[in-house]
Amino acid sequence: MAKLVFISTHGPDDVERASLPWALATASLASGHEVHAYLQGPAVELLKKEGGAQGLQHEPFPALDELIELFQEAEGHLYGCAPCLQSRGLTQDDLLDGVKIVGGAAMVDQCLTADKVFTYA
């Protein structure tokens, strides 16, 4: 199977656009692919334990918190942009379990070894 990287920059600011990568990423995991999701900008807000994706849904997609939970249960790899989190005052303790905080170099490495990279900017 393929290694796929999804890069998302939308969160509570645009729930429809935030839902798109999660829908495709969870479908990709269900198809047996290795999936890495990297969140930047407002998208990092979805990684918060409290108030992150809860209550956010754009019909007909499932709720964002459900999609993120499915992603994690299917062993998707989840990353938050270090500078984006820092600028919002968010630390590892504020984030969902399993989120890795990484800088740009780590994500560039993931993208260079991926079969496909999907960006949602």
C-alpha atoms as a PDB file:
ATOM      1  CA  MET A   1       0.000   0.000   0.000  1.00  0.00           C
ATOM      2  CA  ALA A   2       0.934   3.662  -0.353  1.00  0.00           C
ATOM      3  CA  LYS A   3       2.284   6.181   2.124  1.00  0.00           C
ATOM      4  CA  LEU A   4       0.053   9.284   2.003  1.00  0.00           C
ATOM      5  CA  VAL A   5       0.546  12.680   3.638  1.00  0.00           C
ATOM      6  CA  PHE A   6      -2.362  15.076   4.173  1.00  0.00           C
ATOM      7  CA  ILE A   7      -1.572  18.708   5.010  1.00  0.00           C
ATOM      8  CA  SER A   8      -4.451  20.782   6.350  1.00  0.00           C
ATOM      9  CA  THR A   9      -4.630  24.468   7.262  1.00  0.00           C
ATOM     10  CA  HIS A  10      -8.336  24.791   8.121  1.00  0.00           C
ATOM     11  CA  GLY A  11     -10.042  24.246  11.437  1.00  0.00           C
ATOM     12  CA  PRO A  12     -12.938  25.940  13.206  1.00  0.00           C
ATOM     13  CA  ASP A  13     -12.479  28.875  10.800  1.00  0.00           C
ATOM     14  CA  ASP A  14     -13.871  26.794   7.888  1.00  0.00           C
ATOM     15  CA  VAL A  15     -15.474  23.517   8.957  1.00  0.00           C
ATOM     16  CA  GLU A  16     -16.262  22.385   5.404  1.00  0.00           C
ATOM     17  CA  ARG A  17     -12.669  22.730   4.257  1.00  0.00           C
ATOM     18  CA  ALA A  18     -11.437  21.237   7.534  1.00  0.00           C
ATOM     19  CA  SER A  19     -13.599  18.141   6.968  1.00  0.00           C
ATOM     20  CA  LEU A  20     -12.280  17.289   3.509  1.00  0.00           C
ATOM     21  CA  PRO A  21      -8.811  15.984   4.437  1.00  0.00           C
ATOM     22  CA  TRP A  22     -10.178  14.050   7.419  1.00  0.00           C
ATOM     23  CA  ALA A  23     -12.778  12.303   5.253  1.00  0.00           C
ATOM     24  CA  LEU A  24     -10.156  11.275   2.696  1.00  0.00           C
ATOM     25  CA  ALA A  25      -7.526  10.398   5.284  1.00  0.00           C
ATOM     26  CA  THR A  26      -9.877   8.055   7.174  1.00  0.00           C
ATOM     27  CA  ALA A  27     -11.017   6.468   3.896  1.00  0.00           C
ATOM     28  CA  SER A  28      -7.356   5.962   2.968  1.00  0.00           C
ATOM     29  CA  LEU A  29      -6.657   4.252   6.288  1.00  0.00           C
ATOM     30  CA  ALA A  30      -9.688   2.013   5.782  1.00  0.00           C
ATOM     31  CA  SER A  31      -8.172   1.029   2.435  1.00  0.00           C
ATOM     32  CA  GLY A  32      -4.971  -0.054   4.154  1.00  0.00           C
ATOM     33  CA  HIS A  33      -2.700   2.885   3.354  1.00  0.00           C
ATOM     34  CA  GLU A  34      -0.163   4.409   5.735  1.00  0.00           C
ATOM     35  CA  VAL A  35      -1.465   7.911   6.445  1.00  0.00           C
ATOM     36  CA  HIS A  36       0.206  10.952   7.999  1.00  0.00           C
ATOM     37  CA  ALA A  37      -1.814  14.104   8.764  1.00  0.00           C
ATOM     38  CA  TYR A  38       0.013  17.396   9.361  1.00  0.00           C
ATOM     39  CA  LEU A  39      -1.990  20.334  10.694  1.00  0.00           C
ATOM     40  CA  GLN A  40      -0.870  23.938  10.331  1.00  0.00           C
ATOM     41  CA  GLY A  41      -2.353  27.355  11.045  1.00  0.00           C
ATOM     42  CA  PRO A  42      -5.963  27.317  12.307  1.00  0.00           C
ATOM     43  CA  ALA A  43      -6.113  23.543  11.779  1.00  0.00           C
ATOM     44  CA  VAL A  44      -4.038  22.983  14.931  1.00  0.00           C
ATOM     45  CA  GLU A  45      -7.057  24.123  16.951  1.00  0.00           C
ATOM     46  CA  LEU A  46      -8.664  20.763  16.086  1.00  0.00           C
ATOM     47  CA  LEU A  47      -5.934  18.967  18.034  1.00  0.00           C
ATOM     48  CA  LYS A  48      -6.999  20.408  21.391  1.00  0.00           C
ATOM     49  CA  LYS A  49      -8.366  17.971  23.985  1.00  0.00           C
ATOM     50  CA  GLU A  50     -10.884  20.531  25.182  1.00  0.00           C
ATOM     51  CA  GLY A  51     -13.059  22.323  22.652  1.00  0.00           C
ATOM     52  CA  GLY A  52     -10.970  21.356  19.634  1.00  0.00           C
ATOM     53  CA  ALA A  53     -13.172  19.547  17.125  1.00  0.00           C
ATOM     54  CA  GLN A  54     -16.144  18.970  19.432  1.00  0.00           C
ATOM     55  CA  GLY A  55     -19.413  20.181  17.976  1.00  0.00           C
ATOM     56  CA  LEU A  56     -17.981  20.897  14.514  1.00  0.00           C
ATOM     57  CA  GLN A  57     -19.710  19.289  11.551  1.00  0.00           C
ATOM     58  CA  HIS A  58     -20.386  20.146   7.948  1.00  0.00           C
ATOM     59  CA  GLU A  59     -23.179  17.983   6.535  1.00  0.00           C
ATOM     60  CA  PRO A  60     -23.052  15.438   4.999  1.00  0.00           C
ATOM     61  CA  PHE A  61     -19.640  14.668   6.531  1.00  0.00           C
ATOM     62  CA  PRO A  62     -19.439  13.047   9.951  1.00  0.00           C
ATOM     63  CA  ALA A  63     -18.556  15.325  12.849  1.00  0.00           C
ATOM     64  CA  LEU A  64     -14.892  16.327  12.908  1.00  0.00           C
ATOM     65  CA  ASP A  65     -14.285  14.847  16.350  1.00  0.00           C
ATOM     66  CA  GLU A  66     -15.629  11.507  15.071  1.00  0.00           C
ATOM     67  CA  LEU A  67     -13.376  11.628  11.992  1.00  0.00           C
ATOM     68  CA  ILE A  68     -10.334  12.421  14.124  1.00  0.00           C
ATOM     69  CA  GLU A  69     -11.202   9.595  16.516  1.00  0.00           C
ATOM     70  CA  LEU A  70     -11.557   7.167  13.587  1.00  0.00           C
ATOM     71  CA  PHE A  71      -8.218   8.380  12.219  1.00  0.00           C
ATOM     72  CA  GLN A  72      -6.485   7.712  15.529  1.00  0.00           C
ATOM     73  CA  GLU A  73      -8.169   4.334  16.057  1.00  0.00           C
ATOM     74  CA  ALA A  74      -6.967   3.266  12.606  1.00  0.00           C
ATOM     75  CA  GLU A  75      -3.404   4.188  13.635  1.00  0.00           C
ATOM     76  CA  GLY A  76      -2.993   7.251  11.467  1.00  0.00           C
ATOM     77  CA  HIS A  77       0.020   9.420  12.278  1.00  0.00           C
ATOM     78  CA  LEU A  78      -0.989  12.852  13.562  1.00  0.00           C
ATOM     79  CA  TYR A  79       1.289  15.912  13.647  1.00  0.00           C
ATOM     80  CA  GLY A  80       0.899  19.509  14.774  1.00  0.00           C
ATOM     81  CA  CYS A  81       3.025  22.371  13.480  1.00  0.00           C
ATOM     82  CA  ALA A  82       5.308  23.475  16.324  1.00  0.00           C
ATOM     83  CA  PRO A  83       5.329  27.213  15.515  1.00  0.00           C
ATOM     84  CA  CYS A  84       1.555  27.227  14.899  1.00  0.00           C
ATOM     85  CA  LEU A  85       0.890  25.596  18.257  1.00  0.00           C
ATOM     86  CA  GLN A  86       3.365  27.866  20.035  1.00  0.00           C
ATOM     87  CA  SER A  87       1.773  31.005  18.597  1.00  0.00           C
ATOM     88  CA  ARG A  88      -1.546  29.863  20.090  1.00  0.00           C
ATOM     89  CA  GLY A  89      -0.024  29.065  23.474  1.00  0.00           C
ATOM     90  CA  LEU A  90      -0.711  25.343  23.068  1.00  0.00           C
ATOM     91  CA  THR A  91       1.574  22.699  24.535  1.00  0.00           C
ATOM     92  CA  GLN A  92       1.655  18.905  24.380  1.00  0.00           C
ATOM     93  CA  ASP A  93      -0.537  18.781  27.504  1.00  0.00           C
ATOM     94  CA  ASP A  94      -3.303  20.650  25.638  1.00  0.00           C
ATOM     95  CA  LEU A  95      -3.406  18.173  22.752  1.00  0.00           C
ATOM     96  CA  LEU A  96      -5.091  14.886  22.020  1.00  0.00           C
ATOM     97  CA  ASP A  97      -3.105  11.810  22.937  1.00  0.00           C
ATOM     98  CA  GLY A  98      -0.823  10.658  20.150  1.00  0.00           C
ATOM     99  CA  VAL A  99      -0.241  14.043  18.514  1.00  0.00           C
ATOM    100  CA  LYS A 100       3.407  14.684  17.690  1.00  0.00           C
ATOM    101  CA  ILE A 101       4.607  18.266  17.639  1.00  0.00           C
ATOM    102  CA  VAL A 102       7.056  18.744  14.788  1.00  0.00           C
ATOM    103  CA  GLY A 103       8.794  21.458  12.828  1.00  0.00           C
ATOM    104  CA  GLY A 104       8.898  21.946   9.115  1.00  0.00           C
ATOM    105  CA  ALA A 105      11.997  19.816   8.498  1.00  0.00           C
ATOM    106  CA  ALA A 106      10.306  16.709   9.892  1.00  0.00           C
ATOM    107  CA  MET A 107       7.306  17.198   7.623  1.00  0.00           C
ATOM    108  CA  VAL A 108       9.463  17.836   4.583  1.00  0.00           C
ATOM    109  CA  ASP A 109      11.117  14.472   5.265  1.00  0.00           C
ATOM    110  CA  GLN A 110       7.680  12.811   5.492  1.00  0.00           C
ATOM    111  CA  CYS A 111       6.620  14.399   2.209  1.00  0.00           C
ATOM    112  CA  LEU A 112       9.810  13.380   0.427  1.00  0.00           C
ATOM    113  CA  THR A 113       9.243   9.737   1.362  1.00  0.00           C
ATOM    114  CA  ALA A 114       5.493   9.758   0.613  1.00  0.00           C
ATOM    115  CA  ASP A 115       3.919   8.267  -2.470  1.00  0.00           C
ATOM    116  CA  LYS A 116       1.402  11.133  -2.591  1.00  0.00           C
ATOM    117  CA  VAL A 117       0.936  14.413  -0.734  1.00  0.00           C
ATOM    118  CA  PHE A 118      -2.486  16.063  -0.485  1.00  0.00           C
ATOM    119  CA  THR A 119      -2.682  19.705   0.561  1.00  0.00           C
ATOM    120  CA  TYR A 120      -5.725  21.569   1.793  1.00  0.00           C
ATOM    121  CA  ALA A 121      -4.773  25.218   2.029  1.00  0.00           C
END
